[in-house]
Amino acid sequence: MRAEERLYNLGLLINDLKKSIHEYIVKLELISNELETGVRTLRMLPLSTIFHIFPLVVRDLARQECKQVELIIEGSETQADKRIIEQMKYPLIHMIRNAVDHGIETPTERQKLGKPAVAKVRLRAYSTASNVVIEVIDDGRGLDLSKLNKQH
């Protein structure tokens, strides 16, 4: 009987160890998830960290092109990963430059078309469940498809 008692007690100890290990695994997963969330939060920055440069870009470009352009920024408080924000800076400058250079008409052309002399370029950001969306919208003439087709 002594051997049976020892085996029984050993079985009890093993079950206690299993329970303890399971509890520690659950605790470690919680801590790991909290750490991951914390690190992700640390890497998040508002888009205003790059959006603040665009009014100057638009003003200088509009002046250079003899156009009147108002930049409207919406959603600059939207947050994104710092690395992604840094990578978006130059593509956004390019898109805004294209809007002012090619999409926006001169004040005279706009007035002939019945539009206000001052054009609007809207830079809008917002979050969805899984993405950050950034839109560059202008009230200019749009793309001339015949010119685009000739270039290709």
Protein backbone atom coordinates (compact mmCIF):
# COMPACT_ATOMS: atom_id res chain seq x y z
CA MET A 1 0.00 0.00 0.00
CA ARG A 2 2.82 2.38 0.58
CA ALA A 3 3.77 2.36 -3.09
CA GLU A 4 0.16 2.98 -4.06
CA GLU A 5 -0.05 5.93 -1.65
CA ARG A 6 3.13 7.41 -3.05
CA LEU A 7 1.86 7.04 -6.61
CA TYR A 8 -1.44 8.63 -5.60
CA ASN A 9 0.35 11.56 -3.89
CA LEU A 10 2.64 11.91 -6.91
CA GLY A 11 -0.43 12.08 -9.16
CA LEU A 12 -1.86 14.83 -6.96
CA LEU A 13 1.41 16.78 -7.17
CA ILE A 14 1.50 16.43 -10.95
CA ASN A 15 -2.08 17.73 -11.20
CA ASP A 16 -1.18 20.70 -8.97
CA LEU A 17 1.84 21.41 -11.18
CA LYS A 18 -0.31 21.25 -14.32
CA LYS A 19 -2.76 23.77 -12.80
CA SER A 20 0.08 26.08 -11.75
CA ILE A 21 1.72 25.90 -15.17
CA HIS A 22 -1.60 26.66 -16.88
CA GLU A 23 -2.15 29.68 -14.57
CA TYR A 24 1.36 30.97 -15.31
CA ILE A 25 0.83 30.55 -19.05
CA VAL A 26 -2.41 32.56 -18.86
CA LYS A 27 -0.65 35.29 -16.85
CA LEU A 28 2.28 35.40 -19.29
CA GLU A 29 -0.12 35.71 -22.25
CA LEU A 30 -1.87 38.64 -20.55
CA ILE A 31 1.43 40.36 -19.81
CA SER A 32 2.66 39.69 -23.35
CA ASN A 33 -0.52 41.16 -24.83
CA GLU A 34 -0.22 44.24 -22.61
CA LEU A 35 3.41 44.71 -23.64
CA GLU A 36 2.53 44.33 -27.32
CA THR A 37 -0.27 46.88 -26.98
CA GLY A 38 2.06 49.25 -25.14
CA VAL A 39 4.77 48.99 -27.80
CA ARG A 40 2.22 49.51 -30.57
CA THR A 41 0.89 52.58 -28.76
CA LEU A 42 4.39 53.99 -28.40
CA ARG A 43 4.93 53.71 -32.16
CA MET A 44 1.68 55.52 -32.95
CA LEU A 45 1.81 59.20 -33.85
CA PRO A 46 -0.84 61.62 -35.10
CA LEU A 47 -0.71 62.39 -38.82
CA SER A 48 -0.28 66.03 -37.86
CA THR A 49 3.42 65.19 -37.54
CA ILE A 50 3.62 65.33 -41.35
CA PHE A 51 0.41 67.17 -42.25
CA HIS A 52 1.80 70.41 -40.79
CA ILE A 53 4.23 70.77 -43.73
CA PHE A 54 1.56 70.70 -46.45
CA PRO A 55 0.12 74.22 -46.07
CA LEU A 56 3.54 75.65 -46.89
CA VAL A 57 3.98 73.22 -49.80
CA VAL A 58 0.58 74.20 -51.23
CA ARG A 59 1.13 77.93 -50.68
CA ASP A 60 4.54 77.92 -52.39
CA LEU A 61 3.38 75.74 -55.27
CA ALA A 62 0.21 77.78 -55.84
CA ARG A 63 2.25 80.97 -55.88
CA GLN A 64 4.70 79.41 -58.34
CA GLU A 65 1.84 78.27 -60.63
CA CYS A 66 -0.10 81.58 -60.31
CA LYS A 67 -3.04 79.76 -58.77
CA GLN A 68 -5.13 80.39 -55.69
CA VAL A 69 -5.49 77.28 -53.55
CA GLU A 70 -6.92 76.71 -50.10
CA LEU A 71 -5.72 73.55 -48.35
CA ILE A 72 -8.26 71.99 -46.00
CA ILE A 73 -6.85 69.42 -43.59
CA GLU A 74 -9.18 67.01 -41.82
CA GLY A 75 -8.31 64.18 -39.47
CA SER A 76 -4.77 65.21 -38.58
CA GLU A 77 -5.36 63.69 -35.14
CA THR A 78 -5.72 60.25 -36.78
CA GLN A 79 -2.91 58.03 -35.59
CA ALA A 80 -0.64 55.71 -37.55
CA ASP A 81 2.59 53.85 -37.01
CA LYS A 82 5.59 56.17 -36.97
CA ARG A 83 7.41 54.22 -39.70
CA ILE A 84 4.40 54.35 -42.01
CA ILE A 85 3.98 58.09 -41.44
CA GLU A 86 7.60 58.67 -42.41
CA GLN A 87 7.15 56.62 -45.60
CA MET A 88 3.97 58.52 -46.58
CA LYS A 89 5.50 61.99 -46.53
CA TYR A 90 6.95 62.09 -50.05
CA PRO A 91 4.12 60.22 -51.82
CA LEU A 92 1.65 62.69 -50.25
CA ILE A 93 3.76 65.65 -51.33
CA HIS A 94 3.74 64.20 -54.86
CA MET A 95 -0.05 63.75 -54.85
CA ILE A 96 -0.67 67.26 -53.54
CA ARG A 97 1.80 68.66 -56.06
CA ASN A 98 -0.03 66.85 -58.88
CA ALA A 99 -3.37 68.21 -57.67
CA VAL A 100 -2.10 71.80 -57.71
CA ASP A 101 0.03 71.44 -60.86
CA HIS A 102 -2.34 69.44 -63.04
CA GLY A 103 -5.79 69.35 -61.44
CA ILE A 104 -6.35 72.94 -60.36
CA GLU A 105 -7.08 75.57 -62.99
CA THR A 106 -5.89 79.17 -62.89
CA PRO A 107 -8.30 81.65 -61.25
CA THR A 108 -9.31 82.97 -64.69
CA GLU A 109 -10.06 79.48 -66.04
CA ARG A 110 -12.02 78.65 -62.90
CA GLN A 111 -14.15 81.77 -63.17
CA LYS A 112 -14.91 81.02 -66.84
CA LEU A 113 -16.12 77.60 -65.69
CA GLY A 114 -18.33 79.18 -63.02
CA LYS A 115 -16.11 78.05 -60.18
CA PRO A 116 -14.74 80.19 -57.36
CA ALA A 117 -11.32 81.66 -58.16
CA VAL A 118 -9.87 79.96 -55.08
CA ALA A 119 -9.55 76.22 -55.56
CA LYS A 120 -9.80 73.75 -52.72
CA VAL A 121 -7.50 70.81 -52.03
CA ARG A 122 -8.69 68.61 -49.20
CA LEU A 123 -6.30 66.35 -47.30
CA ARG A 124 -8.44 64.00 -45.25
CA ALA A 125 -7.45 61.14 -42.97
CA TYR A 126 -9.54 58.70 -41.00
CA SER A 127 -9.32 55.23 -39.49
CA THR A 128 -11.38 52.20 -40.35
CA ALA A 129 -11.39 48.97 -38.37
CA SER A 130 -8.14 47.83 -39.99
CA ASN A 131 -6.74 50.73 -42.01
CA VAL A 132 -5.80 54.37 -42.00
CA VAL A 133 -7.22 56.08 -45.08
CA ILE A 134 -5.70 59.27 -46.49
CA GLU A 135 -7.43 61.08 -49.33
CA VAL A 136 -6.25 63.98 -51.45
CA ILE A 137 -9.26 65.58 -53.14
CA ASP A 138 -9.31 68.70 -55.30
CA ASP A 139 -12.10 70.61 -57.00
CA GLY A 140 -10.12 71.07 -60.20
CA ARG A 141 -10.70 69.80 -63.71
CA GLY A 142 -9.60 66.24 -63.01
CA LEU A 143 -7.36 64.15 -65.22
CA ASP A 144 -7.21 64.69 -68.96
CA LEU A 145 -7.45 61.08 -70.13
CA SER A 146 -6.54 61.94 -73.72
CA LYS A 147 -3.19 63.36 -72.53
CA LEU A 148 -2.62 60.34 -70.33
CA ASN A 149 -3.36 57.92 -73.16
CA LYS A 150 -0.90 59.73 -75.46
CA GLN A 151 1.88 59.34 -72.92
CA HIS A 152 1.62 55.54 -72.80
